[in-house]
Amino acid sequence: MPRYEYRCRSCGTTFEVSRPMAESSDPADCPQGHDDTVKLLSTVAVGGSAAGAAAPQAGGGGGGGCCGGGCCA
């Protein structure tokens, strides 16, 4: 189930709520009991490393660029 981040405008508390996507825009109450909250825009970081992986070669790796090595050697 997705988690959504909210901030209370009354006390400044930031909190998360797990709820279905269909309820993502429903109001959320602050853990301190306030109801003046706003949903925050969350970012997702997708990381990865291709360490040791070679980049694809143009021209099939024949060593000549646009013509595969036949006339550009």
PDB file of N, CA and C in Angstrom:
ATOM      1  N   MET A   1       0.846  -1.166   0.000  1.00  0.00           N
ATOM      2  CA  MET A   1       0.000   0.000   0.000  1.00  0.00           C
ATOM      3  C   MET A   1       0.903   1.245   0.000  1.00  0.00           C
ATOM      4  N   PRO A   2       0.596   2.213  -0.844  1.00  0.00           N
ATOM      5  CA  PRO A   2       1.425   3.424  -0.910  1.00  0.00           C
ATOM      6  C   PRO A   2       1.357   4.259   0.372  1.00  0.00           C
ATOM      7  N   ARG A   3       2.448   4.969   0.610  1.00  0.00           N
ATOM      8  CA  ARG A   3       2.526   5.882   1.758  1.00  0.00           C
ATOM      9  C   ARG A   3       2.557   7.302   1.216  1.00  0.00           C
ATOM     10  N   TYR A   4       1.766   8.170   1.828  1.00  0.00           N
ATOM     11  CA  TYR A   4       1.696   9.563   1.413  1.00  0.00           C
ATOM     12  C   TYR A   4       2.151  10.442   2.570  1.00  0.00           C
ATOM     13  N   GLU A   5       2.863  11.497   2.240  1.00  0.00           N
ATOM     14  CA  GLU A   5       3.402  12.402   3.253  1.00  0.00           C
ATOM     15  C   GLU A   5       2.546  13.661   3.321  1.00  0.00           C
ATOM     16  N   TYR A   6       2.250  14.070   4.531  1.00  0.00           N
ATOM     17  CA  TYR A   6       1.422  15.251   4.779  1.00  0.00           C
ATOM     18  C   TYR A   6       2.130  16.173   5.766  1.00  0.00           C
ATOM     19  N   ARG A   7       1.746  17.444   5.746  1.00  0.00           N
ATOM     20  CA  ARG A   7       2.243  18.408   6.724  1.00  0.00           C
ATOM     21  C   ARG A   7       1.047  19.145   7.310  1.00  0.00           C
ATOM     22  N   CYS A   8       1.092  19.298   8.635  1.00  0.00           N
ATOM     23  CA  CYS A   8       0.040  20.018   9.342  1.00  0.00           C
ATOM     24  C   CYS A   8       0.346  21.510   9.264  1.00  0.00           C
ATOM     25  N   ARG A   9      -0.619  22.286   8.830  1.00  0.00           N
ATOM     26  CA  ARG A   9      -0.435  23.732   8.745  1.00  0.00           C
ATOM     27  C   ARG A   9      -0.530  24.395  10.118  1.00  0.00           C
ATOM     28  N   SER A  10      -1.173  23.730  11.058  1.00  0.00           N
ATOM     29  CA  SER A  10      -1.339  24.306  12.397  1.00  0.00           C
ATOM     30  C   SER A  10      -0.075  24.190  13.239  1.00  0.00           C
ATOM     31  N   CYS A  11       0.535  22.985  13.254  1.00  0.00           N
ATOM     32  CA  CYS A  11       1.693  22.779  14.139  1.00  0.00           C
ATOM     33  C   CYS A  11       2.995  22.481  13.399  1.00  0.00           C
ATOM     34  N   GLY A  12       2.934  22.281  12.068  1.00  0.00           N
ATOM     35  CA  GLY A  12       4.140  22.044  11.286  1.00  0.00           C
ATOM     36  C   GLY A  12       4.623  20.604  11.277  1.00  0.00           C
ATOM     37  N   THR A  13       3.907  19.698  11.916  1.00  0.00           N
ATOM     38  CA  THR A  13       4.305  18.290  11.958  1.00  0.00           C
ATOM     39  C   THR A  13       4.198  17.675  10.567  1.00  0.00           C
ATOM     40  N   THR A  14       5.205  16.908  10.171  1.00  0.00           N
ATOM     41  CA  THR A  14       5.170  16.143   8.935  1.00  0.00           C
ATOM     42  C   THR A  14       4.927  14.687   9.317  1.00  0.00           C
ATOM     43  N   PHE A  15       3.992  14.041   8.624  1.00  0.00           N
ATOM     44  CA  PHE A  15       3.656  12.657   8.954  1.00  0.00           C
ATOM     45  C   PHE A  15       3.271  11.905   7.689  1.00  0.00           C
ATOM     46  N   GLU A  16       3.269  10.573   7.777  1.00  0.00           N
ATOM     47  CA  GLU A  16       2.931   9.720   6.652  1.00  0.00           C
ATOM     48  C   GLU A  16       1.663   8.943   6.951  1.00  0.00           C
ATOM     49  N   VAL A  17       0.922   8.639   5.887  1.00  0.00           N
ATOM     50  CA  VAL A  17      -0.296   7.842   6.000  1.00  0.00           C
ATOM     51  C   VAL A  17      -0.246   6.785   4.901  1.00  0.00           C
ATOM     52  N   SER A  18      -0.462   5.520   5.268  1.00  0.00           N
ATOM     53  CA  SER A  18      -0.583   4.444   4.289  1.00  0.00           C
ATOM     54  C   SER A  18      -2.049   4.299   3.930  1.00  0.00           C
ATOM     55  N   ARG A  19      -2.336   4.399   2.642  1.00  0.00           N
ATOM     56  CA  ARG A  19      -3.720   4.264   2.194  1.00  0.00           C
ATOM     57  C   ARG A  19      -3.739   3.896   0.719  1.00  0.00           C
ATOM     58  N   PRO A  20      -4.850   3.344   0.246  1.00  0.00           N
ATOM     59  CA  PRO A  20      -4.947   3.003  -1.181  1.00  0.00           C
ATOM     60  C   PRO A  20      -4.843   4.256  -2.058  1.00  0.00           C
ATOM     61  N   MET A  21      -4.387   4.070  -3.287  1.00  0.00           N
ATOM     62  CA  MET A  21      -4.240   5.195  -4.208  1.00  0.00           C
ATOM     63  C   MET A  21      -5.570   5.908  -4.434  1.00  0.00           C
ATOM     64  N   ALA A  22      -6.673   5.183  -4.404  1.00  0.00           N
ATOM     65  CA  ALA A  22      -7.987   5.785  -4.613  1.00  0.00           C
ATOM     66  C   ALA A  22      -8.330   6.792  -3.517  1.00  0.00           C
ATOM     67  N   GLU A  23      -7.654   6.694  -2.366  1.00  0.00           N
ATOM     68  CA  GLU A  23      -7.916   7.602  -1.248  1.00  0.00           C
ATOM     69  C   GLU A  23      -6.791   8.614  -1.049  1.00  0.00           C
ATOM     70  N   SER A  24      -5.881   8.730  -2.008  1.00  0.00           N
ATOM     71  CA  SER A  24      -4.705   9.583  -1.844  1.00  0.00           C
ATOM     72  C   SER A  24      -5.024  11.053  -1.647  1.00  0.00           C
ATOM     73  N   SER A  25      -6.115  11.522  -2.218  1.00  0.00           N
ATOM     74  CA  SER A  25      -6.443  12.942  -2.087  1.00  0.00           C
ATOM     75  C   SER A  25      -7.430  13.220  -0.950  1.00  0.00           C
ATOM     76  N   ASP A  26      -7.823  12.176  -0.210  1.00  0.00           N
ATOM     77  CA  ASP A  26      -8.711  12.379   0.937  1.00  0.00           C
ATOM     78  C   ASP A  26      -7.984  13.151   2.030  1.00  0.00           C
ATOM     79  N   PRO A  27      -8.692  13.936   2.829  1.00  0.00           N
ATOM     80  CA  PRO A  27      -8.046  14.671   3.926  1.00  0.00           C
ATOM     81  C   PRO A  27      -7.415  13.712   4.935  1.00  0.00           C
ATOM     82  N   ALA A  28      -6.340  14.169   5.561  1.00  0.00           N
ATOM     83  CA  ALA A  28      -5.663  13.375   6.593  1.00  0.00           C
ATOM     84  C   ALA A  28      -5.551  14.223   7.852  1.00  0.00           C
ATOM     85  N   ASP A  29      -5.853  13.628   8.986  1.00  0.00           N
ATOM     86  CA  ASP A  29      -5.745  14.346  10.257  1.00  0.00           C
ATOM     87  C   ASP A  29      -4.330  14.230  10.813  1.00  0.00           C
ATOM     88  N   CYS A  30      -3.826  15.313  11.349  1.00  0.00           N
ATOM     89  CA  CYS A  30      -2.525  15.375  12.005  1.00  0.00           C
ATOM     90  C   CYS A  30      -2.547  14.456  13.235  1.00  0.00           C
ATOM     91  N   PRO A  31      -1.418  13.812  13.565  1.00  0.00           N
ATOM     92  CA  PRO A  31      -1.360  12.991  14.775  1.00  0.00           C
ATOM     93  C   PRO A  31      -1.652  13.794  16.047  1.00  0.00           C
ATOM     94  N   GLN A  32      -1.498  15.117  15.989  1.00  0.00           N
ATOM     95  CA  GLN A  32      -1.788  15.973  17.137  1.00  0.00           C
ATOM     96  C   GLN A  32      -3.259  16.369  17.208  1.00  0.00           C
ATOM     97  N   GLY A  33      -4.070  15.905  16.213  1.00  0.00           N
ATOM     98  CA  GLY A  33      -5.499  16.168  16.234  1.00  0.00           C
ATOM     99  C   GLY A  33      -5.967  17.309  15.351  1.00  0.00           C
ATOM    100  N   HIS A  34      -5.061  17.982  14.659  1.00  0.00           N
ATOM    101  CA  HIS A  34      -5.453  19.084  13.777  1.00  0.00           C
ATOM    102  C   HIS A  34      -5.974  18.531  12.448  1.00  0.00           C
ATOM    103  N   ASP A  35      -6.828  19.290  11.800  1.00  0.00           N
ATOM    104  CA  ASP A  35      -7.346  18.830  10.510  1.00  0.00           C
ATOM    105  C   ASP A  35      -6.936  19.716   9.336  1.00  0.00           C
ATOM    106  N   ASP A  36      -6.105  20.717   9.563  1.00  0.00           N
ATOM    107  CA  ASP A  36      -5.635  21.599   8.500  1.00  0.00           C
ATOM    108  C   ASP A  36      -4.296  21.073   7.970  1.00  0.00           C
ATOM    109  N   THR A  37      -4.376  20.072   7.081  1.00  0.00           N
ATOM    110  CA  THR A  37      -3.168  19.439   6.568  1.00  0.00           C
ATOM    111  C   THR A  37      -3.110  19.562   5.052  1.00  0.00           C
ATOM    112  N   VAL A  38      -1.926  19.389   4.519  1.00  0.00           N
ATOM    113  CA  VAL A  38      -1.710  19.436   3.083  1.00  0.00           C
ATOM    114  C   VAL A  38      -0.837  18.247   2.684  1.00  0.00           C
ATOM    115  N   LYS A  39      -1.180  17.611   1.558  1.00  0.00           N
ATOM    116  CA  LYS A  39      -0.389  16.496   1.055  1.00  0.00           C
ATOM    117  C   LYS A  39       0.857  17.052   0.373  1.00  0.00           C
ATOM    118  N   LEU A  40       2.006  16.486   0.694  1.00  0.00           N
ATOM    119  CA  LEU A  40       3.270  16.944   0.125  1.00  0.00           C
ATOM    120  C   LEU A  40       3.593  16.168  -1.141  1.00  0.00           C
ATOM    121  N   LEU A  41       4.310  16.805  -2.026  1.00  0.00           N
ATOM    122  CA  LEU A  41       4.776  16.151  -3.234  1.00  0.00           C
ATOM    123  C   LEU A  41       6.023  15.360  -2.879  1.00  0.00           C
ATOM    124  N   SER A  42       5.972  14.078  -3.094  1.00  0.00           N
ATOM    125  CA  SER A  42       7.110  13.218  -2.776  1.00  0.00           C
ATOM    126  C   SER A  42       7.875  12.904  -4.047  1.00  0.00           C
ATOM    127  N   THR A  43       9.162  12.744  -3.885  1.00  0.00           N
ATOM    128  CA  THR A  43       9.996  12.340  -5.009  1.00  0.00           C
ATOM    129  C   THR A  43      10.477  10.929  -4.780  1.00  0.00           C
ATOM    130  N   VAL A  44      10.686  10.231  -5.859  1.00  0.00           N
ATOM    131  CA  VAL A  44      11.171   8.864  -5.787  1.00  0.00           C
ATOM    132  C   VAL A  44      12.563   8.849  -6.391  1.00  0.00           C
ATOM    133  N   ALA A  45      13.506   8.316  -5.650  1.00  0.00           N
ATOM    134  CA  ALA A  45      14.865   8.207  -6.157  1.00  0.00           C
ATOM    135  C   ALA A  45      15.092   6.776  -6.624  1.00  0.00           C
ATOM    136  N   VAL A  46      15.460   6.644  -7.865  1.00  0.00           N
ATOM    137  CA  VAL A  46      15.765   5.337  -8.402  1.00  0.00           C
ATOM    138  C   VAL A  46      17.249   5.344  -8.703  1.00  0.00           C
ATOM    139  N   GLY A  47      17.965   4.518  -8.020  1.00  0.00           N
ATOM    140  CA  GLY A  47      19.411   4.499  -8.197  1.00  0.00           C
ATOM    141  C   GLY A  47      19.865   3.162  -8.726  1.00  0.00           C
ATOM    142  N   GLY A  48      21.045   3.168  -9.174  1.00  0.00           N
ATOM    143  CA  GLY A  48      21.610   1.932  -9.680  1.00  0.00           C
ATOM    144  C   GLY A  48      22.980   2.221 -10.223  1.00  0.00           C
ATOM    145  N   SER A  49      23.687   1.185 -10.406  1.00  0.00           N
ATOM    146  CA  SER A  49      25.027   1.349 -10.929  1.00  0.00           C
ATOM    147  C   SER A  49      25.274   0.286 -11.969  1.00  0.00           C
ATOM    148  N   ALA A  50      25.818   0.699 -13.053  1.00  0.00           N
ATOM    149  CA  ALA A  50      26.179  -0.232 -14.114  1.00  0.00           C
ATOM    150  C   ALA A  50      27.693  -0.378 -14.137  1.00  0.00           C
ATOM    151  N   ALA A  51      28.289  -0.401 -12.957  1.00  0.00           N
ATOM    152  CA  ALA A  51      29.745  -0.501 -12.865  1.00  0.00           C
ATOM    153  C   ALA A  51      30.232  -1.750 -13.586  1.00  0.00           C
ATOM    154  N   GLY A  52      31.171  -1.561 -14.445  1.00  0.00           N
ATOM    155  CA  GLY A  52      31.745  -2.672 -15.175  1.00  0.00           C
ATOM    156  C   GLY A  52      30.992  -3.034 -16.444  1.00  0.00           C
ATOM    157  N   ALA A  53      29.836  -2.444 -16.668  1.00  0.00           N
ATOM    158  CA  ALA A  53      29.078  -2.738 -17.881  1.00  0.00           C
ATOM    159  C   ALA A  53      29.535  -1.787 -18.983  1.00  0.00           C
ATOM    160  N   ALA A  54      29.786  -2.347 -20.145  1.00  0.00           N
ATOM    161  CA  ALA A  54      30.232  -1.539 -21.274  1.00  0.00           C
ATOM    162  C   ALA A  54      29.047  -0.918 -21.983  1.00  0.00           C
ATOM    163  N   ALA A  55      29.226   0.292 -22.490  1.00  0.00           N
ATOM    164  CA  ALA A  55      28.194   0.957 -23.268  1.00  0.00           C
ATOM    165  C   ALA A  55      28.083   0.282 -24.625  1.00  0.00           C
ATOM    166  N   PRO A  56      26.903   0.251 -25.201  1.00  0.00           N
ATOM    167  CA  PRO A  56      26.755  -0.362 -26.530  1.00  0.00           C
ATOM    168  C   PRO A  56      27.584   0.380 -27.565  1.00  0.00           C
ATOM    169  N   GLN A  57      28.117  -0.350 -28.493  1.00  0.00           N
ATOM    170  CA  GLN A  57      28.944   0.207 -29.557  1.00  0.00           C
ATOM    171  C   GLN A  57      28.108   0.457 -30.807  1.00  0.00           C
ATOM    172  N   ALA A  58      28.289   1.597 -31.450  1.00  0.00           N
ATOM    173  CA  ALA A  58      27.617   1.887 -32.704  1.00  0.00           C
ATOM    174  C   ALA A  58      28.256   1.070 -33.814  1.00  0.00           C
ATOM    175  N   GLY A  59      27.499   0.731 -34.838  1.00  0.00           N
ATOM    176  CA  GLY A  59      28.056   0.036 -35.988  1.00  0.00           C
ATOM    177  C   GLY A  59      28.377  -1.420 -35.707  1.00  0.00           C
ATOM    178  N   GLY A  60      27.823  -2.004 -34.696  1.00  0.00           N
ATOM    179  CA  GLY A  60      28.044  -3.416 -34.434  1.00  0.00           C
ATOM    180  C   GLY A  60      29.399  -3.724 -33.839  1.00  0.00           C
ATOM    181  N   GLY A  61      30.149  -2.747 -33.446  1.00  0.00           N
ATOM    182  CA  GLY A  61      31.443  -2.994 -32.826  1.00  0.00           C
ATOM    183  C   GLY A  61      32.535  -3.348 -33.821  1.00  0.00           C
ATOM    184  N   GLY A  62      32.317  -3.073 -35.111  1.00  0.00           N
ATOM    185  CA  GLY A  62      33.288  -3.422 -36.147  1.00  0.00           C
ATOM    186  C   GLY A  62      34.481  -2.483 -36.183  1.00  0.00           C
ATOM    187  N   GLY A  63      34.420  -1.372 -35.468  1.00  0.00           N
ATOM    188  CA  GLY A  63      35.573  -0.504 -35.357  1.00  0.00           C
ATOM    189  C   GLY A  63      35.652   0.592 -36.381  1.00  0.00           C
ATOM    190  N   GLY A  64      34.591   0.909 -37.116  1.00  0.00           N
ATOM    191  CA  GLY A  64      34.727   1.937 -38.117  1.00  0.00           C
ATOM    192  C   GLY A  64      33.646   2.987 -38.095  1.00  0.00           C
ATOM    193  N   GLY A  65      32.816   3.001 -37.132  1.00  0.00           N
ATOM    194  CA  GLY A  65      31.774   4.030 -37.056  1.00  0.00           C
ATOM    195  C   GLY A  65      30.611   3.744 -37.959  1.00  0.00           C
ATOM    196  N   CYS A  66      30.313   4.677 -38.891  1.00  0.00           N
ATOM    197  CA  CYS A  66      29.077   4.634 -39.670  1.00  0.00           C
ATOM    198  C   CYS A  66      29.003   3.474 -40.654  1.00  0.00           C
ATOM    199  N   CYS A  67      30.103   2.978 -41.087  1.00  0.00           N
ATOM    200  CA  CYS A  67      30.045   1.925 -42.107  1.00  0.00           C
ATOM    201  C   CYS A  67      30.604   0.597 -41.603  1.00  0.00           C
ATOM    202  N   GLY A  68      30.776   0.476 -40.322  1.00  0.00           N
ATOM    203  CA  GLY A  68      31.209  -0.805 -39.777  1.00  0.00           C
ATOM    204  C   GLY A  68      32.670  -1.136 -40.042  1.00  0.00           C
ATOM    205  N   GLY A  69      33.463  -0.190 -40.470  1.00  0.00           N
ATOM    206  CA  GLY A  69      34.896  -0.424 -40.631  1.00  0.00           C
ATOM    207  C   GLY A  69      35.332  -0.673 -42.050  1.00  0.00           C
ATOM    208  N   GLY A  70      34.384  -0.788 -42.987  1.00  0.00           N
ATOM    209  CA  GLY A  70      34.778  -1.109 -44.356  1.00  0.00           C
ATOM    210  C   GLY A  70      35.488   0.012 -45.086  1.00  0.00           C
ATOM    211  N   CYS A  71      35.043   1.273 -44.889  1.00  0.00           N
ATOM    212  CA  CYS A  71      35.643   2.346 -45.633  1.00  0.00           C
ATOM    213  C   CYS A  71      36.167   3.488 -44.738  1.00  0.00           C
ATOM    214  N   CYS A  72      35.989   3.360 -43.431  1.00  0.00           N
ATOM    215  CA  CYS A  72      36.364   4.439 -42.521  1.00  0.00           C
ATOM    216  C   CYS A  72      37.556   4.075 -41.660  1.00  0.00           C
ATOM    217  N   ALA A  73      38.276   3.045 -41.982  1.00  0.00           N
ATOM    218  CA  ALA A  73      39.344   2.565 -41.138  1.00  0.00           C
ATOM    219  C   ALA A  73      40.336   3.650 -40.947  1.00  0.00           C
TER     220      ALA A  73
END
